Amino acid sequence: MPDKLIKHGFILIFLALVTGFAIPQAQSPRLALSAHTIGLLSGILLLAVAGIWERLRLSERQLRVTYWGWVYSGYANWAGILFGSMTGAGRMTPLAANGATGGDLPEMIVGFLLISLSLAALGAAGLSIWGMRAKPQV
């Protein structure tokens, strides 16, 4: 799985770099800049998780949940903020959106992505912390 995390990390970094070109065309350029930054940071986070992956002491099921939690949260964060920037949906991100709000459907989509990615990231972080516990003394 570390190789897959590395691949997803670089894909997110690439998507974030391409997002930089969309900033001037966005309905909310400040949110588009946030999507650009979030994509870069999420990609780097996936690379960091890949670096410690072999040290996680988790069951196969826990590893799968951790993997998908990190991957989903990275993509959903980038995509949700980018979608919000293009549609003006900024109710859940009032500072970055500078108070802009969009229609009900775009706001619901952004809200779903941001809430679900938060839960996924919390789960992945918690499992990662649990997986780094000290090895038992023999």
N, C-alpha and C. Protein backbone atom coordinates (compact mmCIF):
# COMPACT_ATOMS: atom_id res chain seq x y z
N MET A 1 0.79 -1.21 0.00
CA MET A 1 0.00 0.00 0.00
C MET A 1 0.83 1.27 0.00
N PRO A 2 2.07 1.23 0.49
CA PRO A 2 2.84 2.48 0.46
C PRO A 2 3.02 3.00 -0.97
N ASP A 3 3.21 2.10 -1.94
CA ASP A 3 3.37 2.56 -3.32
C ASP A 3 2.11 3.24 -3.83
N LYS A 4 0.95 2.71 -3.44
CA LYS A 4 -0.31 3.33 -3.86
C LYS A 4 -0.49 4.69 -3.20
N LEU A 5 -0.09 4.81 -1.93
CA LEU A 5 -0.16 6.11 -1.26
C LEU A 5 0.75 7.12 -1.94
N ILE A 6 1.93 6.68 -2.33
CA ILE A 6 2.86 7.57 -3.04
C ILE A 6 2.23 8.03 -4.36
N LYS A 7 1.64 7.08 -5.09
CA LYS A 7 0.99 7.43 -6.36
C LYS A 7 -0.12 8.45 -6.14
N HIS A 8 -0.99 8.20 -5.15
CA HIS A 8 -2.08 9.14 -4.87
C HIS A 8 -1.54 10.48 -4.40
N GLY A 9 -0.45 10.47 -3.65
CA GLY A 9 0.15 11.73 -3.22
C GLY A 9 0.59 12.57 -4.40
N PHE A 10 1.25 11.94 -5.35
CA PHE A 10 1.70 12.70 -6.53
C PHE A 10 0.54 13.09 -7.44
N ILE A 11 -0.50 12.27 -7.51
CA ILE A 11 -1.68 12.66 -8.29
C ILE A 11 -2.32 13.90 -7.68
N LEU A 12 -2.46 13.92 -6.36
CA LEU A 12 -3.04 15.09 -5.71
C LEU A 12 -2.18 16.34 -5.90
N ILE A 13 -0.88 16.18 -5.81
CA ILE A 13 0.02 17.31 -6.05
C ILE A 13 -0.16 17.82 -7.48
N PHE A 14 -0.23 16.91 -8.44
CA PHE A 14 -0.44 17.30 -9.83
C PHE A 14 -1.77 18.05 -10.00
N LEU A 15 -2.85 17.48 -9.42
CA LEU A 15 -4.16 18.13 -9.52
C LEU A 15 -4.13 19.53 -8.89
N ALA A 16 -3.43 19.65 -7.78
CA ALA A 16 -3.33 20.95 -7.10
C ALA A 16 -2.59 21.96 -7.97
N LEU A 17 -1.53 21.50 -8.64
CA LEU A 17 -0.79 22.41 -9.52
C LEU A 17 -1.65 22.87 -10.69
N VAL A 18 -2.42 21.95 -11.26
CA VAL A 18 -3.32 22.32 -12.36
C VAL A 18 -4.41 23.26 -11.85
N THR A 19 -4.86 23.04 -10.61
CA THR A 19 -5.88 23.91 -10.02
C THR A 19 -5.42 25.36 -9.99
N GLY A 20 -4.13 25.57 -9.85
CA GLY A 20 -3.61 26.93 -9.84
C GLY A 20 -4.01 27.72 -11.08
N PHE A 21 -4.14 27.04 -12.22
CA PHE A 21 -4.55 27.73 -13.44
C PHE A 21 -6.02 28.15 -13.41
N ALA A 22 -6.82 27.51 -12.56
CA ALA A 22 -8.26 27.81 -12.50
C ALA A 22 -8.58 28.95 -11.55
N ILE A 23 -7.62 29.38 -10.77
CA ILE A 23 -7.89 30.41 -9.75
C ILE A 23 -8.52 31.66 -10.35
N PRO A 24 -7.99 32.23 -11.44
CA PRO A 24 -8.61 33.46 -11.96
C PRO A 24 -10.02 33.26 -12.52
N GLN A 25 -10.36 32.04 -12.95
CA GLN A 25 -11.68 31.80 -13.54
C GLN A 25 -12.74 31.43 -12.50
N ALA A 26 -12.34 31.19 -11.27
CA ALA A 26 -13.27 30.72 -10.25
C ALA A 26 -14.24 31.82 -9.84
N GLN A 27 -15.43 31.40 -9.46
CA GLN A 27 -16.41 32.34 -8.94
C GLN A 27 -15.92 32.92 -7.60
N SER A 28 -15.19 32.10 -6.86
CA SER A 28 -14.58 32.54 -5.61
C SER A 28 -13.07 32.23 -5.68
N PRO A 29 -12.26 33.18 -6.21
CA PRO A 29 -10.83 32.91 -6.37
C PRO A 29 -10.11 32.55 -5.07
N ARG A 30 -10.55 33.10 -3.95
CA ARG A 30 -9.92 32.79 -2.67
C ARG A 30 -10.12 31.31 -2.31
N LEU A 31 -11.31 30.78 -2.59
CA LEU A 31 -11.56 29.36 -2.36
C LEU A 31 -10.73 28.51 -3.31
N ALA A 32 -10.58 28.96 -4.56
CA ALA A 32 -9.76 28.21 -5.52
C ALA A 32 -8.31 28.16 -5.06
N LEU A 33 -7.82 29.26 -4.50
CA LEU A 33 -6.47 29.27 -3.94
C LEU A 33 -6.39 28.28 -2.77
N SER A 34 -7.45 28.21 -1.97
CA SER A 34 -7.49 27.25 -0.87
C SER A 34 -7.45 25.82 -1.41
N ALA A 35 -8.19 25.55 -2.49
CA ALA A 35 -8.18 24.20 -3.08
C ALA A 35 -6.78 23.87 -3.58
N HIS A 36 -6.11 24.83 -4.17
CA HIS A 36 -4.74 24.65 -4.66
C HIS A 36 -3.83 24.27 -3.48
N THR A 37 -3.90 25.02 -2.41
CA THR A 37 -3.07 24.77 -1.23
C THR A 37 -3.42 23.45 -0.56
N ILE A 38 -4.71 23.18 -0.42
CA ILE A 38 -5.17 21.93 0.21
C ILE A 38 -4.70 20.72 -0.59
N GLY A 39 -4.78 20.80 -1.90
CA GLY A 39 -4.32 19.68 -2.74
C GLY A 39 -2.83 19.42 -2.54
N LEU A 40 -2.05 20.49 -2.50
CA LEU A 40 -0.60 20.31 -2.28
C LEU A 40 -0.33 19.68 -0.92
N LEU A 41 -0.96 20.23 0.12
CA LEU A 41 -0.72 19.71 1.46
C LEU A 41 -1.24 18.28 1.62
N SER A 42 -2.37 17.98 1.02
CA SER A 42 -2.92 16.62 1.11
C SER A 42 -2.01 15.62 0.39
N GLY A 43 -1.47 16.03 -0.75
CA GLY A 43 -0.53 15.16 -1.46
C GLY A 43 0.72 14.90 -0.64
N ILE A 44 1.24 15.94 -0.03
CA ILE A 44 2.44 15.78 0.81
C ILE A 44 2.12 14.92 2.03
N LEU A 45 0.92 15.08 2.59
CA LEU A 45 0.52 14.25 3.72
C LEU A 45 0.48 12.77 3.32
N LEU A 46 -0.05 12.46 2.13
CA LEU A 46 -0.08 11.07 1.69
C LEU A 46 1.34 10.52 1.52
N LEU A 47 2.26 11.34 1.04
CA LEU A 47 3.65 10.90 0.92
C LEU A 47 4.24 10.62 2.31
N ALA A 48 3.91 11.46 3.28
CA ALA A 48 4.41 11.25 4.64
C ALA A 48 3.83 9.98 5.25
N VAL A 49 2.54 9.75 5.05
CA VAL A 49 1.92 8.53 5.57
C VAL A 49 2.56 7.30 4.92
N ALA A 50 2.85 7.39 3.62
CA ALA A 50 3.52 6.27 2.94
C ALA A 50 4.87 5.98 3.59
N GLY A 51 5.54 7.02 4.05
CA GLY A 51 6.86 6.86 4.66
C GLY A 51 6.83 6.10 5.98
N ILE A 52 5.70 6.14 6.69
CA ILE A 52 5.62 5.44 7.98
C ILE A 52 4.71 4.21 7.91
N TRP A 53 4.17 3.94 6.73
CA TRP A 53 3.17 2.89 6.59
C TRP A 53 3.62 1.54 7.17
N GLU A 54 4.84 1.15 6.89
CA GLU A 54 5.34 -0.15 7.33
C GLU A 54 5.49 -0.23 8.85
N ARG A 55 5.46 0.89 9.52
CA ARG A 55 5.61 0.89 10.99
C ARG A 55 4.27 0.77 11.70
N LEU A 56 3.16 0.88 10.97
CA LEU A 56 1.84 0.80 11.59
C LEU A 56 1.55 -0.65 12.01
N ARG A 57 1.20 -0.81 13.25
CA ARG A 57 0.87 -2.13 13.79
C ARG A 57 -0.65 -2.24 13.87
N LEU A 58 -1.26 -2.56 12.72
CA LEU A 58 -2.71 -2.65 12.62
C LEU A 58 -3.09 -3.94 11.91
N SER A 59 -4.32 -4.36 12.12
CA SER A 59 -4.83 -5.53 11.39
C SER A 59 -5.02 -5.14 9.92
N GLU A 60 -5.23 -6.15 9.08
CA GLU A 60 -5.46 -5.87 7.65
C GLU A 60 -6.67 -4.97 7.45
N ARG A 61 -7.72 -5.24 8.18
CA ARG A 61 -8.93 -4.41 8.06
C ARG A 61 -8.65 -2.97 8.49
N GLN A 62 -7.95 -2.82 9.60
CA GLN A 62 -7.61 -1.48 10.08
C GLN A 62 -6.72 -0.75 9.08
N LEU A 63 -5.79 -1.47 8.48
CA LEU A 63 -4.94 -0.85 7.46
C LEU A 63 -5.75 -0.38 6.26
N ARG A 64 -6.72 -1.19 5.83
CA ARG A 64 -7.57 -0.77 4.70
C ARG A 64 -8.37 0.48 5.04
N VAL A 65 -8.95 0.49 6.25
CA VAL A 65 -9.73 1.66 6.68
C VAL A 65 -8.83 2.89 6.76
N THR A 66 -7.63 2.72 7.29
CA THR A 66 -6.68 3.84 7.40
C THR A 66 -6.29 4.34 6.01
N TYR A 67 -5.96 3.42 5.12
CA TYR A 67 -5.57 3.78 3.75
C TYR A 67 -6.67 4.59 3.07
N TRP A 68 -7.89 4.02 3.06
CA TRP A 68 -8.98 4.71 2.36
C TRP A 68 -9.39 5.99 3.07
N GLY A 69 -9.24 6.05 4.38
CA GLY A 69 -9.53 7.29 5.09
C GLY A 69 -8.61 8.42 4.66
N TRP A 70 -7.31 8.12 4.58
CA TRP A 70 -6.35 9.14 4.13
C TRP A 70 -6.58 9.51 2.67
N VAL A 71 -6.76 8.52 1.82
CA VAL A 71 -6.93 8.80 0.38
C VAL A 71 -8.23 9.57 0.15
N TYR A 72 -9.34 9.10 0.70
CA TYR A 72 -10.62 9.78 0.50
C TYR A 72 -10.57 11.21 1.03
N SER A 73 -10.03 11.39 2.22
CA SER A 73 -10.02 12.74 2.80
C SER A 73 -9.19 13.70 1.96
N GLY A 74 -8.10 13.22 1.38
CA GLY A 74 -7.28 14.10 0.54
C GLY A 74 -8.01 14.54 -0.71
N TYR A 75 -8.58 13.59 -1.43
CA TYR A 75 -9.30 13.93 -2.67
C TYR A 75 -10.57 14.72 -2.38
N ALA A 76 -11.34 14.31 -1.37
CA ALA A 76 -12.60 14.99 -1.07
C ALA A 76 -12.36 16.42 -0.62
N ASN A 77 -11.30 16.65 0.12
CA ASN A 77 -10.99 18.01 0.57
C ASN A 77 -10.68 18.89 -0.62
N TRP A 78 -9.79 18.42 -1.49
CA TRP A 78 -9.44 19.20 -2.68
C TRP A 78 -10.67 19.41 -3.57
N ALA A 79 -11.41 18.34 -3.86
CA ALA A 79 -12.54 18.43 -4.77
C ALA A 79 -13.68 19.28 -4.20
N GLY A 80 -13.95 19.13 -2.91
CA GLY A 80 -15.02 19.90 -2.30
C GLY A 80 -14.75 21.39 -2.32
N ILE A 81 -13.54 21.76 -1.99
CA ILE A 81 -13.20 23.20 -1.98
C ILE A 81 -13.13 23.73 -3.41
N LEU A 82 -12.59 22.94 -4.33
CA LEU A 82 -12.55 23.38 -5.73
C LEU A 82 -13.96 23.55 -6.28
N PHE A 83 -14.84 22.58 -6.02
CA PHE A 83 -16.23 22.68 -6.47
C PHE A 83 -16.89 23.91 -5.87
N GLY A 84 -16.66 24.14 -4.58
CA GLY A 84 -17.21 25.33 -3.94
C GLY A 84 -16.70 26.61 -4.58
N SER A 85 -15.44 26.63 -4.97
CA SER A 85 -14.89 27.83 -5.58
C SER A 85 -15.50 28.10 -6.96
N MET A 86 -15.84 27.04 -7.68
CA MET A 86 -16.40 27.21 -9.02
C MET A 86 -17.88 27.55 -9.00
N THR A 87 -18.58 27.13 -7.94
CA THR A 87 -20.02 27.38 -7.85
C THR A 87 -20.37 28.50 -6.87
N GLY A 88 -19.38 28.99 -6.17
CA GLY A 88 -19.63 30.03 -5.18
C GLY A 88 -20.19 29.50 -3.87
N ALA A 89 -20.17 28.18 -3.69
CA ALA A 89 -20.71 27.57 -2.47
C ALA A 89 -19.69 27.71 -1.35
N GLY A 90 -19.93 28.64 -0.45
CA GLY A 90 -18.96 28.90 0.60
C GLY A 90 -19.54 28.96 1.98
N ARG A 91 -20.74 28.44 2.17
CA ARG A 91 -21.38 28.49 3.49
C ARG A 91 -20.55 27.79 4.56
N MET A 92 -19.92 26.68 4.20
CA MET A 92 -19.12 25.93 5.19
C MET A 92 -17.70 26.48 5.31
N THR A 93 -17.32 27.38 4.43
CA THR A 93 -15.97 27.96 4.46
C THR A 93 -16.08 29.49 4.37
N PRO A 94 -16.72 30.11 5.35
CA PRO A 94 -17.02 31.55 5.23
C PRO A 94 -15.80 32.45 5.13
N LEU A 95 -14.71 32.11 5.79
CA LEU A 95 -13.53 32.97 5.72
C LEU A 95 -12.90 32.91 4.34
N ALA A 96 -12.66 31.71 3.85
CA ALA A 96 -12.02 31.56 2.54
C ALA A 96 -12.95 32.01 1.43
N ALA A 97 -14.28 31.87 1.61
CA ALA A 97 -15.23 32.24 0.57
C ALA A 97 -15.60 33.72 0.66
N ASN A 98 -15.10 34.40 1.67
CA ASN A 98 -15.37 35.82 1.85
C ASN A 98 -16.87 36.09 1.92
N GLY A 99 -17.59 35.16 2.59
CA GLY A 99 -19.02 35.35 2.79
C GLY A 99 -19.90 34.91 1.64
N ALA A 100 -19.33 34.46 0.53
CA ALA A 100 -20.14 34.04 -0.62
C ALA A 100 -20.88 32.75 -0.30
N THR A 101 -22.10 32.64 -0.83
CA THR A 101 -22.86 31.40 -0.72
C THR A 101 -23.45 31.07 -2.08
N GLY A 102 -23.64 29.78 -2.31
CA GLY A 102 -24.18 29.32 -3.59
C GLY A 102 -25.58 28.77 -3.43
N GLY A 103 -26.04 28.09 -4.46
CA GLY A 103 -27.35 27.47 -4.43
C GLY A 103 -27.39 26.32 -3.45
N ASP A 104 -28.61 25.84 -3.18
CA ASP A 104 -28.78 24.78 -2.19
C ASP A 104 -28.04 23.50 -2.56
N LEU A 105 -28.14 23.04 -3.82
CA LEU A 105 -27.49 21.79 -4.21
C LEU A 105 -25.96 21.88 -4.10
N PRO A 106 -25.32 22.92 -4.67
CA PRO A 106 -23.86 23.01 -4.49
C PRO A 106 -23.45 23.09 -3.02
N GLU A 107 -24.21 23.81 -2.21
CA GLU A 107 -23.88 23.90 -0.79
C GLU A 107 -24.02 22.54 -0.11
N MET A 108 -25.03 21.76 -0.50
CA MET A 108 -25.20 20.42 0.08
C MET A 108 -24.06 19.50 -0.33
N ILE A 109 -23.63 19.58 -1.57
CA ILE A 109 -22.52 18.74 -2.05
C ILE A 109 -21.24 19.08 -1.29
N VAL A 110 -20.94 20.36 -1.20
CA VAL A 110 -19.75 20.80 -0.48
C VAL A 110 -19.85 20.39 0.99
N GLY A 111 -21.01 20.59 1.59
CA GLY A 111 -21.20 20.21 2.99
C GLY A 111 -20.98 18.73 3.21
N PHE A 112 -21.54 17.90 2.33
CA PHE A 112 -21.35 16.46 2.45
C PHE A 112 -19.87 16.09 2.35
N LEU A 113 -19.19 16.65 1.35
CA LEU A 113 -17.76 16.33 1.17
C LEU A 113 -16.94 16.76 2.38
N LEU A 114 -17.17 17.96 2.87
CA LEU A 114 -16.37 18.46 3.99
C LEU A 114 -16.64 17.70 5.29
N ILE A 115 -17.89 17.36 5.54
CA ILE A 115 -18.20 16.61 6.77
C ILE A 115 -17.68 15.18 6.66
N SER A 116 -17.91 14.53 5.51
CA SER A 116 -17.48 13.14 5.37
C SER A 116 -15.95 13.03 5.38
N LEU A 117 -15.27 13.98 4.75
CA LEU A 117 -13.79 13.91 4.76
C LEU A 117 -13.25 14.15 6.16
N SER A 118 -13.93 14.99 6.93
CA SER A 118 -13.49 15.23 8.31
C SER A 118 -13.58 13.96 9.14
N LEU A 119 -14.67 13.23 8.97
CA LEU A 119 -14.83 11.97 9.70
C LEU A 119 -13.80 10.94 9.23
N ALA A 120 -13.57 10.88 7.92
CA ALA A 120 -12.59 9.93 7.38
C ALA A 120 -11.18 10.27 7.88
N ALA A 121 -10.84 11.56 7.88
CA ALA A 121 -9.50 11.98 8.33
C ALA A 121 -9.32 11.72 9.82
N LEU A 122 -10.35 11.98 10.61
CA LEU A 122 -10.26 11.71 12.04
C LEU A 122 -10.06 10.22 12.30
N GLY A 123 -10.80 9.39 11.57
CA GLY A 123 -10.63 7.95 11.72
C GLY A 123 -9.24 7.49 11.31
N ALA A 124 -8.77 7.99 10.17
CA ALA A 124 -7.44 7.60 9.69
C ALA A 124 -6.34 8.08 10.65
N ALA A 125 -6.49 9.30 11.16
CA ALA A 125 -5.49 9.82 12.10
C ALA A 125 -5.50 9.02 13.40
N GLY A 126 -6.70 8.72 13.89
CA GLY A 126 -6.79 7.93 15.12
C GLY A 126 -6.19 6.54 14.96
N LEU A 127 -6.49 5.89 13.83
CA LEU A 127 -5.90 4.57 13.58
C LEU A 127 -4.39 4.66 13.39
N SER A 128 -3.92 5.73 12.76
CA SER A 128 -2.48 5.91 12.59
C SER A 128 -1.78 6.09 13.93
N ILE A 129 -2.39 6.86 14.81
CA ILE A 129 -1.83 7.03 16.16
C ILE A 129 -1.82 5.68 16.88
N TRP A 130 -2.94 4.97 16.81
CA TRP A 130 -3.04 3.67 17.45
C TRP A 130 -2.00 2.71 16.87
N GLY A 131 -1.81 2.77 15.56
CA GLY A 131 -0.85 1.87 14.89
C GLY A 131 0.60 2.16 15.21
N MET A 132 0.89 3.33 15.75
CA MET A 132 2.27 3.69 16.10
C MET A 132 2.58 3.41 17.56
N ARG A 133 1.68 2.71 18.25
CA ARG A 133 1.93 2.41 19.67
C ARG A 133 3.20 1.57 19.80
N ALA A 134 3.76 1.62 20.98
CA ALA A 134 5.03 0.91 21.23
C ALA A 134 4.84 -0.60 21.08
N LYS A 135 5.88 -1.25 20.63
CA LYS A 135 5.85 -2.70 20.54
C LYS A 135 5.87 -3.29 21.93
N PRO A 136 5.14 -4.40 22.13
CA PRO A 136 5.13 -5.01 23.47
C PRO A 136 6.50 -5.56 23.82
N GLN A 137 6.83 -5.45 25.09
CA GLN A 137 8.10 -5.98 25.59
C GLN A 137 8.00 -7.51 25.69
N VAL A 138 9.01 -8.21 25.21
CA VAL A 138 9.00 -9.68 25.25
C VAL A 138 9.90 -10.16 26.36
